[in-house]
Amino acid sequence: YSALKIVLSSDRSLDAIITSEAMEAIARRVVHDFHLRPMSQ
């Protein structure tokens, strides 16, 4: 088990950060890449 559950919230795509080689420890743990959608009419 990971000792810390993590949610990273951002108003822009985090792809550039997550795909960085230095962020491998984060990237390997990602189970959801959720993008909010607007409401319908």
PDB file of all heavy atoms in Angstrom:
ATOM      1  N   TYR A   1       0.819  -1.203   0.000  1.00  0.00           N
ATOM      2  CA  TYR A   1       0.000   0.000   0.000  1.00  0.00           C
ATOM      3  C   TYR A   1       0.860   1.263   0.000  1.00  0.00           C
ATOM      4  O   TYR A   1       1.861   1.346   0.720  1.00  0.00           O
ATOM      5  CB  TYR A   1      -0.926   0.015   1.229  1.00  0.00           C
ATOM      6  CG  TYR A   1      -1.846  -1.161   1.306  1.00  0.00           C
ATOM      7  CD1 TYR A   1      -1.548  -2.247   2.120  1.00  0.00           C
ATOM      8  CD2 TYR A   1      -3.019  -1.210   0.548  1.00  0.00           C
ATOM      9  CE1 TYR A   1      -2.390  -3.350   2.184  1.00  0.00           C
ATOM     10  CE2 TYR A   1      -3.863  -2.301   0.606  1.00  0.00           C
ATOM     11  CZ  TYR A   1      -3.545  -3.369   1.424  1.00  0.00           C
ATOM     12  OH  TYR A   1      -4.376  -4.450   1.477  1.00  0.00           O
ATOM     13  N   SER A   2       0.451   2.241  -0.785  1.00  0.00           N
ATOM     14  CA  SER A   2       1.097   3.552  -0.719  1.00  0.00           C
ATOM     15  C   SER A   2       0.695   4.214   0.593  1.00  0.00           C
ATOM     16  O   SER A   2      -0.448   4.091   1.046  1.00  0.00           O
ATOM     17  CB  SER A   2       0.660   4.422  -1.898  1.00  0.00           C
ATOM     18  OG  SER A   2       1.145   3.882  -3.108  1.00  0.00           O
ATOM     19  N   ALA A   3       1.634   4.917   1.214  1.00  0.00           N
ATOM     20  CA  ALA A   3       1.398   5.497   2.537  1.00  0.00           C
ATOM     21  C   ALA A   3       0.753   6.875   2.464  1.00  0.00           C
ATOM     22  O   ALA A   3       0.520   7.499   3.495  1.00  0.00           O
ATOM     23  CB  ALA A   3       2.708   5.578   3.314  1.00  0.00           C
ATOM     24  N   LEU A   4       0.453   7.327   1.267  1.00  0.00           N
ATOM     25  CA  LEU A   4      -0.189   8.633   1.110  1.00  0.00           C
ATOM     26  C   LEU A   4      -1.001   8.605  -0.174  1.00  0.00           C
ATOM     27  O   LEU A   4      -0.454   8.412  -1.260  1.00  0.00           O
ATOM     28  CB  LEU A   4       0.877   9.737   1.038  1.00  0.00           C
ATOM     29  CG  LEU A   4       0.433  11.182   1.232  1.00  0.00           C
ATOM     30  CD1 LEU A   4      -0.124  11.401   2.637  1.00  0.00           C
ATOM     31  CD2 LEU A   4       1.588  12.138   0.987  1.00  0.00           C
ATOM     32  N   LYS A   5      -2.324   8.748  -0.056  1.00  0.00           N
ATOM     33  CA  LYS A   5      -3.160   8.884  -1.242  1.00  0.00           C
ATOM     34  C   LYS A   5      -3.085  10.343  -1.694  1.00  0.00           C
ATOM     35  O   LYS A   5      -3.105  11.255  -0.856  1.00  0.00           O
ATOM     36  CB  LYS A   5      -4.614   8.506  -0.925  1.00  0.00           C
ATOM     37  CG  LYS A   5      -4.768   7.117  -0.320  1.00  0.00           C
ATOM     38  CD  LYS A   5      -4.289   6.037  -1.257  1.00  0.00           C
ATOM     39  CE  LYS A   5      -4.366   4.667  -0.603  1.00  0.00           C
ATOM     40  NZ  LYS A   5      -5.724   4.243  -0.267  1.00  0.00           N
ATOM     41  N   ILE A   6      -3.003  10.566  -2.998  1.00  0.00           N
ATOM     42  CA  ILE A   6      -2.705  11.912  -3.509  1.00  0.00           C
ATOM     43  C   ILE A   6      -3.693  12.300  -4.601  1.00  0.00           C
ATOM     44  O   ILE A   6      -4.018  11.499  -5.480  1.00  0.00           O
ATOM     45  CB  ILE A   6      -1.266  11.969  -4.053  1.00  0.00           C
ATOM     46  CG1 ILE A   6      -0.259  11.666  -2.930  1.00  0.00           C
ATOM     47  CG2 ILE A   6      -0.971  13.344  -4.652  1.00  0.00           C
ATOM     48  CD1 ILE A   6       1.173  11.549  -3.416  1.00  0.00           C
ATOM     49  N   VAL A   7      -4.167  13.554  -4.535  1.00  0.00           N
ATOM     50  CA  VAL A   7      -4.970  14.150  -5.599  1.00  0.00           C
ATOM     51  C   VAL A   7      -4.274  15.438  -6.023  1.00  0.00           C
ATOM     52  O   VAL A   7      -4.040  16.329  -5.198  1.00  0.00           O
ATOM     53  CB  VAL A   7      -6.406  14.461  -5.137  1.00  0.00           C
ATOM     54  CG1 VAL A   7      -7.186  15.164  -6.255  1.00  0.00           C
ATOM     55  CG2 VAL A   7      -7.126  13.191  -4.707  1.00  0.00           C
ATOM     56  N   LEU A   8      -3.921  15.526  -7.288  1.00  0.00           N
ATOM     57  CA  LEU A   8      -3.295  16.729  -7.839  1.00  0.00           C
ATOM     58  C   LEU A   8      -4.320  17.450  -8.693  1.00  0.00           C
ATOM     59  O   LEU A   8      -4.769  16.930  -9.710  1.00  0.00           O
ATOM     60  CB  LEU A   8      -2.064  16.367  -8.672  1.00  0.00           C
ATOM     61  CG  LEU A   8      -0.964  15.579  -7.948  1.00  0.00           C
ATOM     62  CD1 LEU A   8       0.198  15.300  -8.896  1.00  0.00           C
ATOM     63  CD2 LEU A   8      -0.479  16.328  -6.720  1.00  0.00           C
ATOM     64  N   SER A   9      -4.702  18.649  -8.266  1.00  0.00           N
ATOM     65  CA  SER A   9      -5.723  19.430  -8.964  1.00  0.00           C
ATOM     66  C   SER A   9      -5.064  20.591  -9.697  1.00  0.00           C
ATOM     67  O   SER A   9      -4.158  21.238  -9.174  1.00  0.00           O
ATOM     68  CB  SER A   9      -6.755  19.948  -7.950  1.00  0.00           C
ATOM     69  OG  SER A   9      -7.713  20.765  -8.576  1.00  0.00           O
ATOM     70  N   SER A  10      -5.545  20.846 -10.915  1.00  0.00           N
ATOM     71  CA  SER A  10      -4.927  21.900 -11.724  1.00  0.00           C
ATOM     72  C   SER A  10      -5.927  22.452 -12.728  1.00  0.00           C
ATOM     73  O   SER A  10      -6.845  21.741 -13.152  1.00  0.00           O
ATOM     74  CB  SER A  10      -3.708  21.339 -12.472  1.00  0.00           C
ATOM     75  OG  SER A  10      -3.167  22.291 -13.367  1.00  0.00           O
ATOM     76  N   ASP A  11      -5.749  23.730 -13.090  1.00  0.00           N
ATOM     77  CA  ASP A  11      -6.630  24.320 -14.098  1.00  0.00           C
ATOM     78  C   ASP A  11      -6.030  24.227 -15.501  1.00  0.00           C
ATOM     79  O   ASP A  11      -6.477  24.897 -16.422  1.00  0.00           O
ATOM     80  CB  ASP A  11      -6.978  25.769 -13.755  1.00  0.00           C
ATOM     81  CG  ASP A  11      -5.770  26.684 -13.696  1.00  0.00           C
ATOM     82  OD1 ASP A  11      -4.695  26.281 -14.178  1.00  0.00           O
ATOM     83  OD2 ASP A  11      -5.896  27.796 -13.157  1.00  0.00           O
ATOM     84  N   ARG A  12      -5.025  23.399 -15.636  1.00  0.00           N
ATOM     85  CA  ARG A  12      -4.448  23.125 -16.957  1.00  0.00           C
ATOM     86  C   ARG A  12      -3.942  21.686 -16.979  1.00  0.00           C
ATOM     87  O   ARG A  12      -3.825  21.044 -15.938  1.00  0.00           O
ATOM     88  CB  ARG A  12      -3.306  24.089 -17.267  1.00  0.00           C
ATOM     89  CG  ARG A  12      -2.110  23.979 -16.335  1.00  0.00           C
ATOM     90  CD  ARG A  12      -1.192  25.152 -16.465  1.00  0.00           C
ATOM     91  NE  ARG A  12      -1.832  26.368 -15.965  1.00  0.00           N
ATOM     92  CZ  ARG A  12      -1.243  27.559 -15.946  1.00  0.00           C
ATOM     93  NH1 ARG A  12      -0.033  27.707 -16.429  1.00  0.00           N
ATOM     94  NH2 ARG A  12      -1.879  28.604 -15.458  1.00  0.00           N
ATOM     95  N   SER A  13      -3.630  21.186 -18.134  1.00  0.00           N
ATOM     96  CA  SER A  13      -3.170  19.808 -18.250  1.00  0.00           C
ATOM     97  C   SER A  13      -1.864  19.614 -17.493  1.00  0.00           C
ATOM     98  O   SER A  13      -0.961  20.455 -17.553  1.00  0.00           O
ATOM     99  CB  SER A  13      -2.971  19.448 -19.725  1.00  0.00           C
ATOM    100  OG  SER A  13      -2.395  18.160 -19.835  1.00  0.00           O
ATOM    101  N   LEU A  14      -1.770  18.487 -16.786  1.00  0.00           N
ATOM    102  CA  LEU A  14      -0.560  18.165 -16.028  1.00  0.00           C
ATOM    103  C   LEU A  14       0.371  17.235 -16.809  1.00  0.00           C
ATOM    104  O   LEU A  14       1.357  16.748 -16.259  1.00  0.00           O
ATOM    105  CB  LEU A  14      -0.952  17.505 -14.701  1.00  0.00           C
ATOM    106  CG  LEU A  14      -1.618  18.424 -13.665  1.00  0.00           C
ATOM    107  CD1 LEU A  14      -2.204  17.599 -12.523  1.00  0.00           C
ATOM    108  CD2 LEU A  14      -0.625  19.439 -13.120  1.00  0.00           C
ATOM    109  N   ASP A  15       0.056  17.000 -18.070  1.00  0.00           N
ATOM    110  CA  ASP A  15       0.855  16.057 -18.863  1.00  0.00           C
ATOM    111  C   ASP A  15       2.346  16.403 -18.866  1.00  0.00           C
ATOM    112  O   ASP A  15       3.194  15.526 -18.722  1.00  0.00           O
ATOM    113  CB  ASP A  15       0.347  16.012 -20.307  1.00  0.00           C
ATOM    114  CG  ASP A  15      -0.908  15.168 -20.447  1.00  0.00           C
ATOM    115  OD1 ASP A  15      -1.321  14.570 -19.431  1.00  0.00           O
ATOM    116  OD2 ASP A  15      -1.486  15.121 -21.544  1.00  0.00           O
ATOM    117  N   ALA A  16       2.662  17.680 -19.055  1.00  0.00           N
ATOM    118  CA  ALA A  16       4.065  18.083 -19.166  1.00  0.00           C
ATOM    119  C   ALA A  16       4.841  17.757 -17.898  1.00  0.00           C
ATOM    120  O   ALA A  16       6.029  17.419 -17.942  1.00  0.00           O
ATOM    121  CB  ALA A  16       4.155  19.579 -19.471  1.00  0.00           C
ATOM    122  N   ILE A  17       4.165  17.870 -16.742  1.00  0.00           N
ATOM    123  CA  ILE A  17       4.823  17.567 -15.469  1.00  0.00           C
ATOM    124  C   ILE A  17       4.922  16.069 -15.266  1.00  0.00           C
ATOM    125  O   ILE A  17       5.983  15.520 -14.952  1.00  0.00           O
ATOM    126  CB  ILE A  17       4.062  18.228 -14.305  1.00  0.00           C
ATOM    127  CG1 ILE A  17       4.166  19.757 -14.395  1.00  0.00           C
ATOM    128  CG2 ILE A  17       4.607  17.743 -12.956  1.00  0.00           C
ATOM    129  CD1 ILE A  17       3.376  20.486 -13.329  1.00  0.00           C
ATOM    130  N   ILE A  18       3.798  15.371 -15.452  1.00  0.00           N
ATOM    131  CA  ILE A  18       3.745  13.947 -15.148  1.00  0.00           C
ATOM    132  C   ILE A  18       4.670  13.129 -16.050  1.00  0.00           C
ATOM    133  O   ILE A  18       5.258  12.136 -15.618  1.00  0.00           O
ATOM    134  CB  ILE A  18       2.296  13.433 -15.259  1.00  0.00           C
ATOM    135  CG1 ILE A  18       1.424  14.125 -14.215  1.00  0.00           C
ATOM    136  CG2 ILE A  18       2.231  11.933 -15.088  1.00  0.00           C
ATOM    137  CD1 ILE A  18       1.865  13.880 -12.788  1.00  0.00           C
ATOM    138  N   THR A  19       4.806  13.516 -17.299  1.00  0.00           N
ATOM    139  CA  THR A  19       5.640  12.745 -18.224  1.00  0.00           C
ATOM    140  C   THR A  19       7.120  13.070 -18.094  1.00  0.00           C
ATOM    141  O   THR A  19       7.944  12.462 -18.767  1.00  0.00           O
ATOM    142  CB  THR A  19       5.191  12.993 -19.684  1.00  0.00           C
ATOM    143  OG1 THR A  19       5.213  14.407 -19.957  1.00  0.00           O
ATOM    144  CG2 THR A  19       3.784  12.459 -19.908  1.00  0.00           C
ATOM    145  N   SER A  20       7.452  14.021 -17.228  1.00  0.00           N
ATOM    146  CA  SER A  20       8.866  14.325 -16.990  1.00  0.00           C
ATOM    147  C   SER A  20       9.536  13.131 -16.325  1.00  0.00           C
ATOM    148  O   SER A  20       8.956  12.473 -15.455  1.00  0.00           O
ATOM    149  CB  SER A  20       8.988  15.559 -16.095  1.00  0.00           C
ATOM    150  OG  SER A  20      10.314  15.714 -15.616  1.00  0.00           O
ATOM    151  N   GLU A  21      10.763  12.847 -16.712  1.00  0.00           N
ATOM    152  CA  GLU A  21      11.493  11.705 -16.158  1.00  0.00           C
ATOM    153  C   GLU A  21      11.619  11.810 -14.646  1.00  0.00           C
ATOM    154  O   GLU A  21      11.571  10.810 -13.927  1.00  0.00           O
ATOM    155  CB  GLU A  21      12.881  11.618 -16.801  1.00  0.00           C
ATOM    156  CG  GLU A  21      13.685  10.411 -16.351  1.00  0.00           C
ATOM    157  CD  GLU A  21      15.018  10.311 -17.075  1.00  0.00           C
ATOM    158  OE1 GLU A  21      15.218  11.069 -18.052  1.00  0.00           O
ATOM    159  OE2 GLU A  21      15.851   9.484 -16.660  1.00  0.00           O
ATOM    160  N   ALA A  22      11.760  13.036 -14.144  1.00  0.00           N
ATOM    161  CA  ALA A  22      11.922  13.234 -12.703  1.00  0.00           C
ATOM    162  C   ALA A  22      10.664  12.912 -11.915  1.00  0.00           C
ATOM    163  O   ALA A  22      10.713  12.732 -10.695  1.00  0.00           O
ATOM    164  CB  ALA A  22      12.343  14.673 -12.420  1.00  0.00           C
ATOM    165  N   MET A  23       9.516  12.827 -12.600  1.00  0.00           N
ATOM    166  CA  MET A  23       8.244  12.575 -11.920  1.00  0.00           C
ATOM    167  C   MET A  23       7.795  11.119 -12.053  1.00  0.00           C
ATOM    168  O   MET A  23       6.621  10.807 -11.918  1.00  0.00           O
ATOM    169  CB  MET A  23       7.164  13.502 -12.488  1.00  0.00           C
ATOM    170  CG  MET A  23       7.416  14.973 -12.242  1.00  0.00           C
ATOM    171  SD  MET A  23       7.306  15.401 -10.495  1.00  0.00           S
ATOM    172  CE  MET A  23       5.537  15.269 -10.242  1.00  0.00           C
ATOM    173  N   GLU A  24       8.729  10.219 -12.303  1.00  0.00           N
ATOM    174  CA  GLU A  24       8.390   8.822 -12.531  1.00  0.00           C
ATOM    175  C   GLU A  24       7.642   8.220 -11.337  1.00  0.00           C
ATOM    176  O   GLU A  24       6.704   7.434 -11.504  1.00  0.00           O
ATOM    177  CB  GLU A  24       9.652   8.014 -12.806  1.00  0.00           C
ATOM    178  CG  GLU A  24       9.387   6.559 -13.130  1.00  0.00           C
ATOM    179  CD  GLU A  24      10.664   5.801 -13.418  1.00  0.00           C
ATOM    180  OE1 GLU A  24      11.755   6.369 -13.199  1.00  0.00           O
ATOM    181  OE2 GLU A  24      10.573   4.644 -13.849  1.00  0.00           O
ATOM    182  N   ALA A  25       8.040   8.598 -10.122  1.00  0.00           N
ATOM    183  CA  ALA A  25       7.388   8.039  -8.928  1.00  0.00           C
ATOM    184  C   ALA A  25       5.911   8.414  -8.867  1.00  0.00           C
ATOM    185  O   ALA A  25       5.093   7.670  -8.330  1.00  0.00           O
ATOM    186  CB  ALA A  25       8.105   8.530  -7.669  1.00  0.00           C
ATOM    187  N   ILE A  26       5.569   9.588  -9.416  1.00  0.00           N
ATOM    188  CA  ILE A  26       4.171  10.018  -9.476  1.00  0.00           C
ATOM    189  C   ILE A  26       3.451   9.317 -10.627  1.00  0.00           C
ATOM    190  O   ILE A  26       2.359   8.765 -10.473  1.00  0.00           O
ATOM    191  CB  ILE A  26       4.080  11.547  -9.658  1.00  0.00           C
ATOM    192  CG1 ILE A  26       4.670  12.272  -8.438  1.00  0.00           C
ATOM    193  CG2 ILE A  26       2.641  11.983  -9.899  1.00  0.00           C
ATOM    194  CD1 ILE A  26       3.842  12.164  -7.194  1.00  0.00           C
ATOM    195  N   ALA A  27       4.064   9.349 -11.806  1.00  0.00           N
ATOM    196  CA  ALA A  27       3.419   8.812 -13.006  1.00  0.00           C
ATOM    197  C   ALA A  27       3.028   7.357 -12.846  1.00  0.00           C
ATOM    198  O   ALA A  27       1.958   6.931 -13.300  1.00  0.00           O
ATOM    199  CB  ALA A  27       4.342   8.984 -14.216  1.00  0.00           C
ATOM    200  N   ARG A  28       3.858   6.571 -12.190  1.00  0.00           N
ATOM    201  CA  ARG A  28       3.575   5.143 -12.052  1.00  0.00           C
ATOM    202  C   ARG A  28       2.390   4.872 -11.136  1.00  0.00           C
ATOM    203  O   ARG A  28       1.832   3.783 -11.166  1.00  0.00           O
ATOM    204  CB  ARG A  28       4.811   4.421 -11.515  1.00  0.00           C
ATOM    205  CG  ARG A  28       5.908   4.273 -12.548  1.00  0.00           C
ATOM    206  CD  ARG A  28       7.029   3.422 -12.008  1.00  0.00           C
ATOM    207  NE  ARG A  28       8.029   3.169 -13.037  1.00  0.00           N
ATOM    208  CZ  ARG A  28       9.094   2.406 -12.864  1.00  0.00           C
ATOM    209  NH1 ARG A  28       9.294   1.822 -11.694  1.00  0.00           N
ATOM    210  NH2 ARG A  28       9.955   2.222 -13.831  1.00  0.00           N
ATOM    211  N   ARG A  29       2.040   5.846 -10.326  1.00  0.00           N
ATOM    212  CA  ARG A  29       0.943   5.630  -9.373  1.00  0.00           C
ATOM    213  C   ARG A  29      -0.400   6.150  -9.870  1.00  0.00           C
ATOM    214  O   ARG A  29      -1.430   5.887  -9.256  1.00  0.00           O
ATOM    215  CB  ARG A  29       1.275   6.306  -8.038  1.00  0.00           C
ATOM    216  CG  ARG A  29       2.155   5.480  -7.116  1.00  0.00           C
ATOM    217  CD  ARG A  29       2.239   6.102  -5.753  1.00  0.00           C
ATOM    218  NE  ARG A  29       0.925   6.374  -5.193  1.00  0.00           N
ATOM    219  CZ  ARG A  29       0.719   7.072  -4.090  1.00  0.00           C
ATOM    220  NH1 ARG A  29       1.742   7.566  -3.427  1.00  0.00           N
ATOM    221  NH2 ARG A  29      -0.502   7.283  -3.643  1.00  0.00           N
ATOM    222  N   VAL A  30      -0.405   6.885 -10.957  1.00  0.00           N
ATOM    223  CA  VAL A  30      -1.653   7.495 -11.413  1.00  0.00           C
ATOM    224  C   VAL A  30      -2.666   6.417 -11.786  1.00  0.00           C
ATOM    225  O   VAL A  30      -2.405   5.561 -12.628  1.00  0.00           O
ATOM    226  CB  VAL A  30      -1.408   8.425 -12.619  1.00  0.00           C
ATOM    227  CG1 VAL A  30      -2.742   8.929 -13.171  1.00  0.00           C
ATOM    228  CG2 VAL A  30      -0.538   9.605 -12.216  1.00  0.00           C
ATOM    229  N   VAL A  31      -3.831   6.455 -11.142  1.00  0.00           N
ATOM    230  CA  VAL A  31      -4.903   5.509 -11.478  1.00  0.00           C
ATOM    231  C   VAL A  31      -6.053   6.192 -12.203  1.00  0.00           C
ATOM    232  O   VAL A  31      -6.859   5.532 -12.853  1.00  0.00           O
ATOM    233  CB  VAL A  31      -5.430   4.786 -10.218  1.00  0.00           C
ATOM    234  CG1 VAL A  31      -4.362   3.880  -9.637  1.00  0.00           C
ATOM    235  CG2 VAL A  31      -5.922   5.764  -9.172  1.00  0.00           C
ATOM    236  N   HIS A  32      -6.154   7.522 -12.097  1.00  0.00           N
ATOM    237  CA  HIS A  32      -7.189   8.274 -12.804  1.00  0.00           C
ATOM    238  C   HIS A  32      -6.618   9.601 -13.292  1.00  0.00           C
ATOM    239  O   HIS A  32      -5.936  10.299 -12.546  1.00  0.00           O
ATOM    240  CB  HIS A  32      -8.395   8.569 -11.904  1.00  0.00           C
ATOM    241  CG  HIS A  32      -9.122   7.345 -11.428  1.00  0.00           C
ATOM    242  ND1 HIS A  32      -9.880   6.558 -12.275  1.00  0.00           N
ATOM    243  CD2 HIS A  32      -9.206   6.771 -10.215  1.00  0.00           C
ATOM    244  CE1 HIS A  32     -10.397   5.553 -11.587  1.00  0.00           C
ATOM    245  NE2 HIS A  32      -9.996   5.662 -10.341  1.00  0.00           N
ATOM    246  N   ASP A  33      -6.901   9.920 -14.529  1.00  0.00           N
ATOM    247  CA  ASP A  33      -6.587  11.240 -15.083  1.00  0.00           C
ATOM    248  C   ASP A  33      -7.928  11.843 -15.465  1.00  0.00           C
ATOM    249  O   ASP A  33      -8.418  11.655 -16.573  1.00  0.00           O
ATOM    250  CB  ASP A  33      -5.661  11.090 -16.293  1.00  0.00           C
ATOM    251  CG  ASP A  33      -5.213  12.441 -16.840  1.00  0.00           C
ATOM    252  OD1 ASP A  33      -5.511  13.462 -16.193  1.00  0.00           O
ATOM    253  OD2 ASP A  33      -4.592  12.469 -17.905  1.00  0.00           O
ATOM    254  N   PHE A  34      -8.540  12.548 -14.501  1.00  0.00           N
ATOM    255  CA  PHE A  34      -9.924  12.994 -14.659  1.00  0.00           C
ATOM    256  C   PHE A  34      -9.980  14.457 -15.100  1.00  0.00           C
ATOM    257  O   PHE A  34      -9.363  15.322 -14.486  1.00  0.00           O
ATOM    258  CB  PHE A  34     -10.694  12.833 -13.351  1.00  0.00           C
ATOM    259  CG  PHE A  34     -12.188  12.996 -13.515  1.00  0.00           C
ATOM    260  CD1 PHE A  34     -12.997  11.899 -13.729  1.00  0.00           C
ATOM    261  CD2 PHE A  34     -12.776  14.253 -13.487  1.00  0.00           C
ATOM    262  CE1 PHE A  34     -14.363  12.033 -13.906  1.00  0.00           C
ATOM    263  CE2 PHE A  34     -14.143  14.410 -13.658  1.00  0.00           C
ATOM    264  CZ  PHE A  34     -14.934  13.301 -13.870  1.00  0.00           C
ATOM    265  N   HIS A  35     -10.760  14.707 -16.159  1.00  0.00           N
ATOM    266  CA  HIS A  35     -10.946  16.063 -16.683  1.00  0.00           C
ATOM    267  C   HIS A  35     -12.412  16.462 -16.534  1.00  0.00           C
ATOM    268  O   HIS A  35     -13.294  15.800 -17.085  1.00  0.00           O
ATOM    269  CB  HIS A  35     -10.526  16.132 -18.153  1.00  0.00           C
ATOM    270  CG  HIS A  35      -9.065  15.873 -18.370  1.00  0.00           C
ATOM    271  ND1 HIS A  35      -8.167  16.860 -18.694  1.00  0.00           N
ATOM    272  CD2 HIS A  35      -8.342  14.736 -18.270  1.00  0.00           C
ATOM    273  CE1 HIS A  35      -6.953  16.345 -18.812  1.00  0.00           C
ATOM    274  NE2 HIS A  35      -7.044  15.055 -18.554  1.00  0.00           N
ATOM    275  N   LEU A  36     -12.657  17.512 -15.774  1.00  0.00           N
ATOM    276  CA  LEU A  36     -14.025  17.977 -15.569  1.00  0.00           C
ATOM    277  C   LEU A  36     -14.645  18.448 -16.873  1.00  0.00           C
ATOM    278  O   LEU A  36     -13.976  19.088 -17.699  1.00  0.00           O
ATOM    279  CB  LEU A  36     -14.054  19.113 -14.541  1.00  0.00           C
ATOM    280  CG  LEU A  36     -13.955  18.685 -13.075  1.00  0.00           C
ATOM    281  CD1 LEU A  36     -13.677  19.903 -12.201  1.00  0.00           C
ATOM    282  CD2 LEU A  36     -15.231  17.985 -12.631  1.00  0.00           C
ATOM    283  N   ARG A  37     -15.924  18.165 -17.037  1.00  0.00           N
ATOM    284  CA  ARG A  37     -16.700  18.601 -18.198  1.00  0.00           C
ATOM    285  C   ARG A  37     -17.779  19.591 -17.741  1.00  0.00           C
ATOM    286  O   ARG A  37     -18.217  19.546 -16.578  1.00  0.00           O
ATOM    287  CB  ARG A  37     -17.364  17.399 -18.865  1.00  0.00           C
ATOM    288  CG  ARG A  37     -16.361  16.402 -19.437  1.00  0.00           C
ATOM    289  CD  ARG A  37     -15.906  16.786 -20.814  1.00  0.00           C
ATOM    290  NE  ARG A  37     -14.885  15.892 -21.329  1.00  0.00           N
ATOM    291  CZ  ARG A  37     -14.676  15.676 -22.627  1.00  0.00           C
ATOM    292  NH1 ARG A  37     -15.451  16.267 -23.520  1.00  0.00           N
ATOM    293  NH2 ARG A  37     -13.717  14.888 -23.025  1.00  0.00           N
ATOM    294  N   PRO A  38     -18.239  20.465 -18.627  1.00  0.00           N
ATOM    295  CA  PRO A  38     -19.275  21.431 -18.244  1.00  0.00           C
ATOM    296  C   PRO A  38     -20.645  20.781 -18.103  1.00  0.00           C
ATOM    297  O   PRO A  38     -20.849  19.634 -18.502  1.00  0.00           O
ATOM    298  CB  PRO A  38     -19.246  22.446 -19.390  1.00  0.00           C
ATOM    299  CG  PRO A  38     -18.729  21.675 -20.561  1.00  0.00           C
ATOM    300  CD  PRO A  38     -17.746  20.689 -20.006  1.00  0.00           C
ATOM    301  N   MET A  39     -21.566  21.540 -17.533  1.00  0.00           N
ATOM    302  CA  MET A  39     -22.939  21.062 -17.376  1.00  0.00           C
ATOM    303  C   MET A  39     -23.679  21.135 -18.710  1.00  0.00           C
ATOM    304  O   MET A  39     -23.379  21.973 -19.565  1.00  0.00           O
ATOM    305  CB  MET A  39     -23.675  21.922 -16.345  1.00  0.00           C
ATOM    306  CG  MET A  39     -23.070  21.899 -14.955  1.00  0.00           C
ATOM    307  SD  MET A  39     -23.978  22.942 -13.764  1.00  0.00           S
ATOM    308  CE  MET A  39     -23.583  24.593 -14.381  1.00  0.00           C
ATOM    309  N   SER A  40     -24.657  20.270 -18.859  1.00  0.00           N
ATOM    310  CA  SER A  40     -25.540  20.329 -20.021  1.00  0.00           C
ATOM    311  C   SER A  40     -26.554  21.458 -19.813  1.00  0.00           C
ATOM    312  O   SER A  40     -26.628  22.058 -18.732  1.00  0.00           O
ATOM    313  CB  SER A  40     -26.273  18.996 -20.194  1.00  0.00           C
ATOM    314  OG  SER A  40     -27.158  18.786 -19.092  1.00  0.00           O
ATOM    315  N   GLN A  41     -27.339  21.735 -20.841  1.00  0.00           N
ATOM    316  CA  GLN A  41     -28.348  22.792 -20.717  1.00  0.00           C
ATOM    317  C   GLN A  41     -29.362  22.487 -19.602  1.00  0.00           C
ATOM    318  O   GLN A  41     -29.629  23.355 -18.755  1.00  0.00           O
ATOM    319  CB  GLN A  41     -29.071  22.989 -22.057  1.00  0.00           C
ATOM    320  CG  GLN A  41     -30.108  24.099 -22.023  1.00  0.00           C
ATOM    321  CD  GLN A  41     -30.804  24.269 -23.358  1.00  0.00           C
ATOM    322  OE1 GLN A  41     -30.241  24.008 -24.410  1.00  0.00           O
ATOM    323  NE2 GLN A  41     -32.056  24.709 -23.335  1.00  0.00           N
TER     324      GLN A  41
END
